[in-house]
C-alpha atoms as a PDB file:
ATOM      1  CA  MET A   1      76.281  23.977 134.457  1.00  0.00           C
ATOM      2  CA  PHE A   2      75.578  24.073 130.658  1.00  0.00           C
ATOM      3  CA  TYR A   3      72.327  22.147 130.936  1.00  0.00           C
ATOM      4  CA  ALA A   4      71.317  24.010 134.084  1.00  0.00           C
ATOM      5  CA  GLY A   5      71.788  27.348 132.355  1.00  0.00           C
ATOM      6  CA  ARG A   6      69.788  26.171 129.318  1.00  0.00           C
ATOM      7  CA  LEU A   7      67.026  24.824 131.546  1.00  0.00           C
ATOM      8  CA  THR A   8      66.809  28.089 133.465  1.00  0.00           C
ATOM      9  CA  ASN A   9      66.682  30.075 130.220  1.00  0.00           C
ATOM     10  CA  THR A  10      63.921  27.906 128.855  1.00  0.00           C
ATOM     11  CA  VAL A  11      61.781  27.887 131.979  1.00  0.00           C
ATOM     12  CA  THR A  12      62.048  31.739 132.377  1.00  0.00           C
ATOM     13  CA  ALA A  13      61.065  32.241 128.752  1.00  0.00           C
ATOM     14  CA  ILE A  14      58.064  29.896 129.014  1.00  0.00           C
ATOM     15  CA  LEU A  15      56.853  31.522 132.295  1.00  0.00           C
ATOM     16  CA  LEU A  16      57.102  35.063 130.891  1.00  0.00           C
ATOM     17  CA  THR A  17      55.267  33.973 127.773  1.00  0.00           C
ATOM     18  CA  LEU A  18      52.524  32.290 129.751  1.00  0.00           C
ATOM     19  CA  ALA A  19      52.177  35.465 131.892  1.00  0.00           C
ATOM     20  CA  ALA A  20      51.888  37.492 128.685  1.00  0.00           C
ATOM     21  CA  VAL A  21      49.120  35.180 127.350  1.00  0.00           C
ATOM     22  CA  ARG A  22      47.220  35.487 130.668  1.00  0.00           C
ATOM     23  CA  LEU A  23      47.493  39.302 130.756  1.00  0.00           C
ATOM     24  CA  LEU A  24      46.827  40.021 127.072  1.00  0.00           C
ATOM     25  CA  PRO A  25      43.339  41.575 126.920  1.00  0.00           C
ATOM     26  CA  LEU A  26      42.617  40.330 123.425  1.00  0.00           C
ATOM     27  CA  GLY A  27      43.955  38.115 120.687  1.00  0.00           C
ATOM     28  CA  ALA A  28      45.970  35.691 122.840  1.00  0.00           C
ATOM     29  CA  THR A  29      46.063  33.264 119.857  1.00  0.00           C
ATOM     30  CA  ALA A  30      48.107  35.830 117.954  1.00  0.00           C
ATOM     31  CA  LEU A  31      50.772  35.794 120.595  1.00  0.00           C
ATOM     32  CA  LEU A  32      50.615  31.968 120.912  1.00  0.00           C
ATOM     33  CA  ALA A  33      51.062  31.659 117.187  1.00  0.00           C
ATOM     34  CA  VAL A  34      54.384  33.435 117.333  1.00  0.00           C
ATOM     35  CA  ALA A  35      55.424  31.530 120.467  1.00  0.00           C
ATOM     36  CA  CYS A  36      54.692  28.289 118.697  1.00  0.00           C
ATOM     37  CA  LEU A  37      56.823  28.963 115.641  1.00  0.00           C
ATOM     38  CA  PRO A  38      59.876  26.630 115.356  1.00  0.00           C
ATOM     39  CA  ALA A  39      62.201  29.633 115.323  1.00  0.00           C
ATOM     40  CA  THR A  40      60.815  30.945 118.620  1.00  0.00           C
ATOM     41  CA  LEU A  41      60.869  27.544 120.339  1.00  0.00           C
ATOM     42  CA  ALA A  42      64.490  26.988 119.185  1.00  0.00           C
ATOM     43  CA  GLN A  43      65.448  30.241 120.891  1.00  0.00           C
ATOM     44  CA  PHE A  44      63.514  29.243 123.995  1.00  0.00           C
ATOM     45  CA  GLY A  45      65.459  26.006 124.157  1.00  0.00           C
ATOM     46  CA  SER A  46      68.869  27.623 123.730  1.00  0.00           C
ATOM     47  CA  LEU A  47      71.337  29.505 125.905  1.00  0.00           C
ATOM     48  CA  SER A  48      70.802  32.611 123.809  1.00  0.00           C
ATOM     49  CA  ALA A  49      69.678  35.843 125.438  1.00  0.00           C
ATOM     50  CA  ASP A  50      67.107  36.077 122.694  1.00  0.00           C
ATOM     51  CA  ALA A  51      64.915  33.617 124.607  1.00  0.00           C
ATOM     52  CA  ASN A  52      64.342  36.057 127.427  1.00  0.00           C
ATOM     53  CA  ILE A  53      64.353  39.099 125.160  1.00  0.00           C
ATOM     54  CA  ILE A  54      61.550  37.579 123.079  1.00  0.00           C
ATOM     55  CA  SER A  55      59.408  36.490 126.056  1.00  0.00           C
ATOM     56  CA  LEU A  56      60.039  39.749 127.876  1.00  0.00           C
ATOM     57  CA  THR A  57      58.794  41.735 124.816  1.00  0.00           C
ATOM     58  CA  PHE A  58      55.721  39.554 124.753  1.00  0.00           C
ATOM     59  CA  LEU A  59      55.054  40.546 128.363  1.00  0.00           C
ATOM     60  CA  VAL A  60      55.490  44.260 127.681  1.00  0.00           C
ATOM     61  CA  ILE A  61      53.119  44.005 124.701  1.00  0.00           C
ATOM     62  CA  ALA A  62      50.490  42.393 126.898  1.00  0.00           C
ATOM     63  CA  LEU A  63      50.887  44.911 129.726  1.00  0.00           C
ATOM     64  CA  ALA A  64      50.833  47.886 127.299  1.00  0.00           C
ATOM     65  CA  THR A  65      47.859  46.704 125.232  1.00  0.00           C
ATOM     66  CA  ARG A  66      46.037  45.794 128.475  1.00  0.00           C
ATOM     67  CA  GLY A  67      46.345  49.456 129.445  1.00  0.00           C
ATOM     68  CA  SER A  68      44.974  50.639 126.063  1.00  0.00           C
ATOM     69  CA  ILE A  69      41.932  48.335 126.033  1.00  0.00           C
ATOM     70  CA  ASP A  70      40.999  48.253 129.695  1.00  0.00           C
ATOM     71  CA  LEU A  71      40.839  51.760 131.134  1.00  0.00           C
ATOM     72  CA  ALA A  72      39.586  50.735 134.535  1.00  0.00           C
ATOM     73  CA  ALA A  73      41.570  51.793 137.644  1.00  0.00           C
ATOM     74  CA  MET A  74      44.999  50.100 137.842  1.00  0.00           C
ATOM     75  CA  ARG A  75      45.050  47.057 140.015  1.00  0.00           C
ATOM     76  CA  ARG A  76      47.528  46.828 142.863  1.00  0.00           C
ATOM     77  CA  GLY A  77      51.049  46.292 141.667  1.00  0.00           C
ATOM     78  CA  GLU A  78      50.401  46.772 137.977  1.00  0.00           C
ATOM     79  CA  GLY A  79      52.319  50.054 137.803  1.00  0.00           C
ATOM     80  CA  GLY A  80      55.392  48.373 139.343  1.00  0.00           C
ATOM     81  CA  ARG A  81      55.154  45.553 136.896  1.00  0.00           C
ATOM     82  CA  LEU A  82      54.957  47.971 134.000  1.00  0.00           C
ATOM     83  CA  LEU A  83      57.987  49.920 135.233  1.00  0.00           C
ATOM     84  CA  VAL A  84      60.135  46.848 135.896  1.00  0.00           C
ATOM     85  CA  SER A  85      59.225  45.108 132.695  1.00  0.00           C
ATOM     86  CA  ILE A  86      59.709  48.124 130.435  1.00  0.00           C
ATOM     87  CA  VAL A  87      63.022  49.067 132.091  1.00  0.00           C
ATOM     88  CA  LEU A  88      64.362  45.495 131.833  1.00  0.00           C
ATOM     89  CA  LEU A  89      63.351  45.340 128.135  1.00  0.00           C
ATOM     90  CA  VAL A  90      65.087  48.597 127.284  1.00  0.00           C
ATOM     91  CA  LEU A  91      68.257  47.430 129.046  1.00  0.00           C
ATOM     92  CA  ALA A  92      68.124  43.977 127.485  1.00  0.00           C
ATOM     93  CA  LYS A  93      67.571  45.134 123.931  1.00  0.00           C
ATOM     94  CA  GLY A  94      67.070  48.874 123.539  1.00  0.00           C
ATOM     95  CA  VAL A  95      65.698  48.627 120.012  1.00  0.00           C
ATOM     96  CA  TYR A  96      62.433  47.052 121.223  1.00  0.00           C
ATOM     97  CA  TRP A  97      61.350  49.747 123.631  1.00  0.00           C
ATOM     98  CA  PRO A  98      58.715  51.182 121.250  1.00  0.00           C
ATOM     99  CA  VAL A  99      56.392  48.178 121.901  1.00  0.00           C
ATOM    100  CA  ALA A 100      55.724  49.830 125.285  1.00  0.00           C
ATOM    101  CA  CYS A 101      54.093  52.679 123.357  1.00  0.00           C
ATOM    102  CA  ALA A 102      51.379  50.327 122.185  1.00  0.00           C
ATOM    103  CA  GLY A 103      49.385  51.298 125.226  1.00  0.00           C
ATOM    104  CA  LEU A 104      49.520  55.095 124.659  1.00  0.00           C
ATOM    105  CA  VAL A 105      46.635  55.154 122.177  1.00  0.00           C
ATOM    106  CA  THR A 106      43.480  54.219 123.952  1.00  0.00           C
ATOM    107  CA  ARG A 107      39.957  53.586 122.666  1.00  0.00           C
ATOM    108  CA  ASP A 108      38.845  57.088 123.382  1.00  0.00           C
ATOM    109  CA  PHE A 109      42.290  58.796 123.313  1.00  0.00           C
ATOM    110  CA  ARG A 110      42.029  59.382 127.122  1.00  0.00           C
ATOM    111  CA  PHE A 111      45.066  59.167 129.259  1.00  0.00           C
ATOM    112  CA  SER A 112      44.724  57.368 132.560  1.00  0.00           C
ATOM    113  CA  ALA A 113      47.219  56.274 135.326  1.00  0.00           C
ATOM    114  CA  ARG A 114      48.330  53.401 133.067  1.00  0.00           C
ATOM    115  CA  GLN A 115      49.427  55.649 130.252  1.00  0.00           C
ATOM    116  CA  TRP A 116      51.392  57.887 132.670  1.00  0.00           C
ATOM    117  CA  TRP A 117      53.065  54.822 134.144  1.00  0.00           C
ATOM    118  CA  ILE A 118      54.022  53.625 130.628  1.00  0.00           C
ATOM    119  CA  LEU A 119      55.487  57.064 129.807  1.00  0.00           C
ATOM    120  CA  VAL A 120      57.463  57.187 133.060  1.00  0.00           C
ATOM    121  CA  SER A 121      58.714  53.643 132.531  1.00  0.00           C
ATOM    122  CA  ILE A 122      59.858  54.364 128.992  1.00  0.00           C
ATOM    123  CA  CYS A 123      61.703  57.528 130.157  1.00  0.00           C
ATOM    124  CA  VAL A 124      63.457  55.711 133.081  1.00  0.00           C
ATOM    125  CA  GLY A 125      64.512  52.813 130.730  1.00  0.00           C
ATOM    126  CA  VAL A 126      65.725  55.049 127.952  1.00  0.00           C
ATOM    127  CA  ALA A 127      67.707  57.136 130.519  1.00  0.00           C
ATOM    128  CA  PHE A 128      69.445  53.984 131.731  1.00  0.00           C
ATOM    129  CA  PHE A 129      70.100  52.903 128.085  1.00  0.00           C
ATOM    130  CA  VAL A 130      71.668  56.297 127.248  1.00  0.00           C
ATOM    131  CA  VAL A 131      73.992  55.987 130.268  1.00  0.00           C
ATOM    132  CA  TRP A 132      74.935  52.492 129.115  1.00  0.00           C
ATOM    133  CA  LEU A 133      75.691  53.818 125.590  1.00  0.00           C
ATOM    134  CA  MET A 134      77.872  56.591 127.090  1.00  0.00           C
ATOM    135  CA  PHE A 135      80.078  54.212 129.098  1.00  0.00           C
ATOM    136  CA  GLY A 136      79.876  51.044 126.969  1.00  0.00           C
ATOM    137  CA  ARG A 137      82.088  50.813 123.915  1.00  0.00           C
ATOM    138  CA  GLY A 138      81.083  47.388 122.608  1.00  0.00           C
ATOM    139  CA  ALA A 139      79.241  48.867 119.591  1.00  0.00           C
ATOM    140  CA  ASP A 140      82.466  50.524 118.352  1.00  0.00           C
ATOM    141  CA  ILE A 141      84.187  47.197 117.778  1.00  0.00           C
ATOM    142  CA  GLN A 142      84.796  46.442 114.079  1.00  0.00           C
ATOM    143  CA  PHE A 143      84.772  42.852 112.850  1.00  0.00           C
ATOM    144  CA  SER A 144      85.442  40.958 109.726  1.00  0.00           C
ATOM    145  CA  ILE A 145      82.485  39.791 107.573  1.00  0.00           C
ATOM    146  CA  ILE A 146      81.895  38.263 104.153  1.00  0.00           C
ATOM    147  CA  SER A 147      79.842  40.741 102.033  1.00  0.00           C
ATOM    148  CA  ARG A 148      76.571  39.249 100.920  1.00  0.00           C
ATOM    149  CA  ARG A 149      76.870  41.264  97.669  1.00  0.00           C
ATOM    150  CA  THR A 150      80.558  40.723  96.650  1.00  0.00           C
ATOM    151  CA  LEU A 151      81.206  37.531  98.712  1.00  0.00           C
ATOM    152  CA  GLU A 152      84.575  39.136  99.648  1.00  0.00           C
ATOM    153  CA  ARG A 153      85.905  39.534 103.152  1.00  0.00           C
ATOM    154  CA  THR A 154      85.615  43.086 104.455  1.00  0.00           C
ATOM    155  CA  MET A 155      85.407  45.036 107.674  1.00  0.00           C
ATOM    156  CA  THR A 156      82.304  46.522 109.266  1.00  0.00           C
ATOM    157  CA  ALA A 157      82.182  50.366 109.542  1.00  0.00           C
ATOM    158  CA  GLN A 158      82.720  52.409 112.677  1.00  0.00           C
ATOM    159  CA  PRO A 159      79.210  53.517 113.687  1.00  0.00           C
ATOM    160  CA  ALA A 160      80.224  57.132 113.821  1.00  0.00           C
ATOM    161  CA  ASP A 161      81.589  57.056 110.305  1.00  0.00           C
ATOM    162  CA  GLN A 162      78.510  55.232 109.027  1.00  0.00           C
ATOM    163  CA  LEU A 163      76.238  57.751 110.735  1.00  0.00           C
ATOM    164  CA  ALA A 164      78.088  60.596 109.092  1.00  0.00           C
ATOM    165  CA  GLN A 165      77.330  58.928 105.716  1.00  0.00           C
ATOM    166  CA  ILE A 166      73.629  58.688 106.608  1.00  0.00           C
ATOM    167  CA  LEU A 167      73.391  62.337 107.742  1.00  0.00           C
ATOM    168  CA  ALA A 168      75.285  63.488 104.601  1.00  0.00           C
ATOM    169  CA  ALA A 169      72.703  61.777 102.297  1.00  0.00           C
ATOM    170  CA  PRO A 170      69.551  60.804 104.181  1.00  0.00           C
ATOM    171  CA  SER A 171      67.501  60.221 101.102  1.00  0.00           C
ATOM    172  CA  THR A 172      70.140  57.731  99.831  1.00  0.00           C
ATOM    173  CA  PHE A 173      69.978  55.822 103.060  1.00  0.00           C
ATOM    174  CA  ILE A 174      66.146  55.688 102.924  1.00  0.00           C
ATOM    175  CA  ALA A 175      66.377  54.188  99.390  1.00  0.00           C
ATOM    176  CA  ILE A 176      68.999  51.690 100.690  1.00  0.00           C
ATOM    177  CA  LEU A 177      66.801  50.705 103.637  1.00  0.00           C
ATOM    178  CA  ILE A 178      63.687  50.161 101.524  1.00  0.00           C
ATOM    179  CA  SER A 179      65.476  48.215  98.745  1.00  0.00           C
ATOM    180  CA  SER A 180      67.464  46.081 101.183  1.00  0.00           C
ATOM    181  CA  PHE A 181      64.400  45.185 103.197  1.00  0.00           C
ATOM    182  CA  ALA A 182      62.417  44.358 100.057  1.00  0.00           C
ATOM    183  CA  GLU A 183      65.228  42.254  98.708  1.00  0.00           C
ATOM    184  CA  ARG A 184      65.640  40.284 101.978  1.00  0.00           C
ATOM    185  CA  LEU A 185      61.974  39.938 102.833  1.00  0.00           C
ATOM    186  CA  PRO A 186      61.658  36.328 101.623  1.00  0.00           C
ATOM    187  CA  VAL A 187      64.684  35.353 103.697  1.00  0.00           C
ATOM    188  CA  TYR A 188      63.174  37.062 106.809  1.00  0.00           C
ATOM    189  CA  VAL A 189      59.940  35.157 106.317  1.00  0.00           C
ATOM    190  CA  ILE A 190      61.803  31.852 106.114  1.00  0.00           C
ATOM    191  CA  GLN A 191      63.914  32.737 109.201  1.00  0.00           C
ATOM    192  CA  VAL A 192      60.882  33.857 111.194  1.00  0.00           C
ATOM    193  CA  ILE A 193      59.304  30.385 110.736  1.00  0.00           C
ATOM    194  CA  GLY A 194      62.486  28.453 111.170  1.00  0.00           C
ATOM    195  CA  ARG A 195      66.018  28.089 109.862  1.00  0.00           C
ATOM    196  CA  PHE A 196      68.545  26.435 112.071  1.00  0.00           C
ATOM    197  CA  GLY A 197      72.257  25.788 112.592  1.00  0.00           C
ATOM    198  CA  TRP A 198      73.343  29.358 111.879  1.00  0.00           C
ATOM    199  CA  ASN A 199      70.882  29.481 109.004  1.00  0.00           C
ATOM    200  CA  THR A 200      72.327  26.390 107.297  1.00  0.00           C
ATOM    201  CA  VAL A 201      69.388  24.013 107.894  1.00  0.00           C
ATOM    202  CA  LEU A 202      66.233  24.727 105.902  1.00  0.00           C
ATOM    203  CA  LEU A 203      62.799  23.141 106.482  1.00  0.00           C
ATOM    204  CA  PRO A 204      60.959  21.441 103.587  1.00  0.00           C
ATOM    205  CA  LEU A 205      59.112  24.078 101.589  1.00  0.00           C
ATOM    206  CA  PRO A 206      55.555  22.858 102.605  1.00  0.00           C
ATOM    207  CA  LEU A 207      56.381  23.542 106.272  1.00  0.00           C
ATOM    208  CA  TYR A 208      56.924  27.239 105.506  1.00  0.00           C
ATOM    209  CA  GLY A 209      53.516  27.293 103.938  1.00  0.00           C
ATOM    210  CA  LEU A 210      52.135  25.645 107.064  1.00  0.00           C
ATOM    211  CA  GLY A 211      53.880  28.237 109.243  1.00  0.00           C
ATOM    212  CA  LEU A 212      52.200  31.079 107.246  1.00  0.00           C
ATOM    213  CA  LEU A 213      48.877  29.303 107.495  1.00  0.00           C
ATOM    214  CA  LEU A 214      49.365  29.059 111.338  1.00  0.00           C
ATOM    215  CA  LEU A 215      49.863  32.804 111.533  1.00  0.00           C
ATOM    216  CA  GLY A 216      46.877  33.337 109.227  1.00  0.00           C
ATOM    217  CA  THR A 217      44.640  31.119 111.369  1.00  0.00           C
ATOM    218  CA  ALA A 218      45.695  33.126 114.461  1.00  0.00           C
ATOM    219  CA  LEU A 219      44.205  36.182 112.794  1.00  0.00           C
ATOM    220  CA  ILE A 220      40.704  34.715 112.560  1.00  0.00           C
ATOM    221  CA  ALA A 221      40.654  32.330 115.515  1.00  0.00           C
ATOM    222  CA  PRO A 222      37.742  33.042 117.894  1.00  0.00           C
ATOM    223  CA  SER A 223      38.841  35.276 120.768  1.00  0.00           C
ATOM    224  CA  GLU A 224      37.478  36.241 124.158  1.00  0.00           C
ATOM    225  CA  SER A 225      34.746  38.824 124.415  1.00  0.00           C
ATOM    226  CA  ALA A 226      37.118  41.737 125.041  1.00  0.00           C
ATOM    227  CA  PRO A 227      36.561  44.812 122.916  1.00  0.00           C
ATOM    228  CA  ARG A 228      38.304  44.834 119.553  1.00  0.00           C
ATOM    229  CA  PRO A 229      40.987  47.479 118.962  1.00  0.00           C
ATOM    230  CA  THR A 230      39.890  50.606 117.056  1.00  0.00           C
ATOM    231  CA  ARG A 231      41.169  51.474 113.653  1.00  0.00           C
ATOM    232  CA  TRP A 232      43.413  54.138 115.174  1.00  0.00           C
ATOM    233  CA  GLN A 233      44.902  51.628 117.651  1.00  0.00           C
ATOM    234  CA  ARG A 234      45.538  49.173 114.779  1.00  0.00           C
ATOM    235  CA  LEU A 235      47.189  51.908 112.716  1.00  0.00           C
ATOM    236  CA  TRP A 236      49.289  52.954 115.710  1.00  0.00           C
ATOM    237  CA  TRP A 237      50.500  49.388 116.353  1.00  0.00           C
ATOM    238  CA  LEU A 238      51.423  48.915 112.730  1.00  0.00           C
ATOM    239  CA  LEU A 239      53.385  52.228 112.733  1.00  0.00           C
ATOM    240  CA  LEU A 240      55.238  50.999 115.830  1.00  0.00           C
ATOM    241  CA  ALA A 241      56.160  47.858 114.088  1.00  0.00           C
ATOM    242  CA  ILE A 242      57.375  49.726 110.992  1.00  0.00           C
ATOM    243  CA  GLY A 243      59.399  51.993 113.227  1.00  0.00           C
ATOM    244  CA  MET A 244      61.086  48.977 114.923  1.00  0.00           C
ATOM    245  CA  VAL A 245      61.945  47.534 111.495  1.00  0.00           C
ATOM    246  CA  VAL A 246      63.584  50.835 110.574  1.00  0.00           C
ATOM    247  CA  MET A 247      65.445  50.900 113.966  1.00  0.00           C
ATOM    248  CA  ILE A 248      66.700  47.305 113.500  1.00  0.00           C
ATOM    249  CA  GLU A 249      67.851  47.867 109.918  1.00  0.00           C
ATOM    250  CA  THR A 250      69.520  51.126 110.834  1.00  0.00           C
ATOM    251  CA  ALA A 251      71.309  49.595 113.806  1.00  0.00           C
ATOM    252  CA  LEU A 252      72.690  46.760 111.571  1.00  0.00           C
ATOM    253  CA  TYR A 253      73.740  49.339 108.945  1.00  0.00           C
ATOM    254  CA  LEU A 254      75.687  51.281 111.570  1.00  0.00           C
ATOM    255  CA  THR A 255      77.298  48.228 113.236  1.00  0.00           C
ATOM    256  CA  GLY A 256      77.271  45.247 110.860  1.00  0.00           C
ATOM    257  CA  THR A 257      77.711  46.676 107.329  1.00  0.00           C
ATOM    258  CA  PRO A 258      80.771  47.937 105.477  1.00  0.00           C
ATOM    259  CA  LEU A 259      81.200  51.744 105.266  1.00  0.00           C
ATOM    260  CA  GLY A 260      79.046  53.337 102.620  1.00  0.00           C
ATOM    261  CA  ALA A 261      77.549  50.042 101.410  1.00  0.00           C
ATOM    262  CA  ASP A 262      74.360  50.183  99.223  1.00  0.00           C
ATOM    263  CA  TYR A 263      72.839  47.349 101.226  1.00  0.00           C
ATOM    264  CA  ILE A 264      72.252  46.347 104.879  1.00  0.00           C
ATOM    265  CA  GLN A 265      73.990  43.300 106.243  1.00  0.00           C
ATOM    266  CA  GLY A 266      73.433  41.210 109.398  1.00  0.00           C
ATOM    267  CA  THR A 267      69.605  41.514 109.837  1.00  0.00           C
ATOM    268  CA  GLN A 268      67.991  38.196 110.631  1.00  0.00           C
ATOM    269  CA  GLY A 269      64.321  37.233 110.739  1.00  0.00           C
ATOM    270  CA  ARG A 270      64.451  36.309 114.387  1.00  0.00           C
ATOM    271  CA  TYR A 271      64.955  39.981 115.212  1.00  0.00           C
ATOM    272  CA  PHE A 272      61.289  40.476 114.166  1.00  0.00           C
ATOM    273  CA  LEU A 273      59.909  37.762 116.377  1.00  0.00           C
ATOM    274  CA  PRO A 274      59.506  39.903 119.583  1.00  0.00           C
ATOM    275  CA  PHE A 275      57.096  42.428 118.052  1.00  0.00           C
ATOM    276  CA  LEU A 276      55.394  40.196 115.512  1.00  0.00           C
ATOM    277  CA  PRO A 277      52.471  39.604 117.859  1.00  0.00           C
ATOM    278  CA  LEU A 278      51.794  43.334 117.732  1.00  0.00           C
ATOM    279  CA  VAL A 279      51.441  43.133 113.928  1.00  0.00           C
ATOM    280  CA  LEU A 280      49.071  40.177 114.211  1.00  0.00           C
ATOM    281  CA  LEU A 281      46.972  41.994 116.869  1.00  0.00           C
ATOM    282  CA  ALA A 282      46.731  44.978 114.483  1.00  0.00           C
ATOM    283  CA  LEU A 283      45.557  42.812 111.646  1.00  0.00           C
ATOM    284  CA  SER A 284      43.421  40.334 113.544  1.00  0.00           C
ATOM    285  CA  CYS A 285      39.706  39.825 112.855  1.00  0.00           C
ATOM    286  CA  PRO A 286      38.581  37.043 115.176  1.00  0.00           C
ATOM    287  CA  LEU A 287      35.416  35.198 114.218  1.00  0.00           C
ATOM    288  CA  GLN A 288      32.557  34.224 116.415  1.00  0.00           C
ATOM    289  CA  ASP A 289      32.767  30.900 118.270  1.00  0.00           C
ATOM    290  CA  ASN A 290      29.468  29.766 116.762  1.00  0.00           C
ATOM    291  CA  SER A 291      30.630  30.281 113.247  1.00  0.00           C
ATOM    292  CA  ALA A 292      31.700  27.210 111.211  1.00  0.00           C
ATOM    293  CA  VAL A 293      34.912  28.798 110.128  1.00  0.00           C
ATOM    294  CA  GLY A 294      35.657  29.954 113.652  1.00  0.00           C
ATOM    295  CA  ALA A 295      35.173  26.380 114.990  1.00  0.00           C
ATOM    296  CA  ILE A 296      37.466  25.019 112.307  1.00  0.00           C
ATOM    297  CA  ALA A 297      40.084  27.609 113.095  1.00  0.00           C
ATOM    298  CA  ARG A 298      39.946  26.906 116.782  1.00  0.00           C
ATOM    299  CA  PHE A 299      40.508  23.211 116.151  1.00  0.00           C
ATOM    300  CA  ALA A 300      43.105  23.604 113.327  1.00  0.00           C
ATOM    301  CA  PHE A 301      45.387  26.021 115.180  1.00  0.00           C
ATOM    302  CA  PRO A 302      46.853  23.595 117.839  1.00  0.00           C
ATOM    303  CA  SER A 303      46.938  20.786 115.210  1.00  0.00           C
ATOM    304  CA  MET A 304      48.979  22.904 112.766  1.00  0.00           C
ATOM    305  CA  ALA A 305      51.337  24.021 115.543  1.00  0.00           C
ATOM    306  CA  LEU A 306      51.905  20.432 116.657  1.00  0.00           C
ATOM    307  CA  ILE A 307      52.520  19.130 113.145  1.00  0.00           C
ATOM    308  CA  LEU A 308      54.846  22.069 112.286  1.00  0.00           C
ATOM    309  CA  ASN A 309      57.018  21.638 115.400  1.00  0.00           C
ATOM    310  CA  ILE A 310      57.173  17.826 115.322  1.00  0.00           C
ATOM    311  CA  SER A 311      58.257  18.064 111.602  1.00  0.00           C
ATOM    312  CA  ALA A 312      60.813  20.783 112.359  1.00  0.00           C
ATOM    313  CA  MET A 313      62.243  18.662 115.218  1.00  0.00           C
ATOM    314  CA  ALA A 314      62.562  15.700 112.855  1.00  0.00           C
ATOM    315  CA  VAL A 315      64.458  17.895 110.293  1.00  0.00           C
ATOM    316  CA  VAL A 316      66.836  19.152 112.994  1.00  0.00           C
ATOM    317  CA  ILE A 317      67.467  15.610 114.371  1.00  0.00           C
ATOM    318  CA  ASP A 318      68.242  14.365 110.882  1.00  0.00           C
ATOM    319  CA  ALA A 319      70.462  17.369 110.012  1.00  0.00           C
ATOM    320  CA  PHE A 320      72.552  17.314 113.220  1.00  0.00           C
ATOM    321  CA  TRP A 321      72.533  13.651 114.446  1.00  0.00           C
ATOM    322  CA  ILE A 322      71.723  11.374 111.620  1.00  0.00           C
ATOM    323  CA  SER A 323      72.900  12.991 108.364  1.00  0.00           C
ATOM    324  CA  GLY A 324      75.441  15.192 110.130  1.00  0.00           C
ATOM    325  CA  VAL A 325      76.959  12.631 112.479  1.00  0.00           C
ATOM    326  CA  VAL A 326      75.956   9.065 111.621  1.00  0.00           C
ATOM    327  CA  ARG A 327      76.331   9.355 107.851  1.00  0.00           C
ATOM    328  CA  GLY A 328      79.174  11.836 108.113  1.00  0.00           C
ATOM    329  CA  THR A 329      81.324   9.428 110.173  1.00  0.00           C
ATOM    330  CA  GLY A 330      80.379   6.315 108.207  1.00  0.00           C
ATOM    331  CA  PHE A 331      78.565   4.616 111.077  1.00  0.00           C
END
């Protein structure tokens, strides 16, 4: 049953990701770059719900941006797919619902049937999520943690008490949010590319450079002939990404940080994987196929992805089965 569940999780995540790549109207390489990161593939191969949350977010990004680039009449069934995908995403991980708003800013700021479907889907999903919050009490559970600042064991705050602290001094919380994110940014970058075994297994430093190069290559890799996003669409997508960072950090401050702390605890880089393609799409500047740099980028992208993941797999095998078991038991 364990292996069957893992296989089902993996197959579902892969199928959703492939569907997102097929539906994305531009910059499919940007989405593939995030999907090919070791951290993403590790989630896809696990029993974690993050596998389907990541791939479902990819699908919603594809459907939403499709609606902002292609304003032709909606094809049969697309409205239903939008509604089901967005509602499922909101229920699976409510913090990621803003990615659906990526399709609200069109090339000429004109609303079509797609944009109305997106708005309706978001409203339905958020309504379900609010109902779940009203009757579910899981977020109110306190748990013991080791403070990353004092290294002492402490308890997380009650969300209501922590929220009262925020509302009493919002400017103080904004300063905490900015300083905490800036302080942890290098850790987030490492975790986005790959850190395994509950963050105990690091990759060799050159592999992190290779991971960043892979993402950079995705920004310039030649793309299909679809229209490029306008500057206003790019700005809107970046604002959505910033908003989701704020939502994630705030959620962890409410539920995973000691009361009144001057830092945020519990945020991991993998939480940013679902909407990272939206950032890459906003920053992308694909080259022409006939340019020398474009041809090199097209060839280099799959090569780097393959080298990065084979190397990461070797590190994991050594950490858990060779160094961790064989050497650890003396065999």
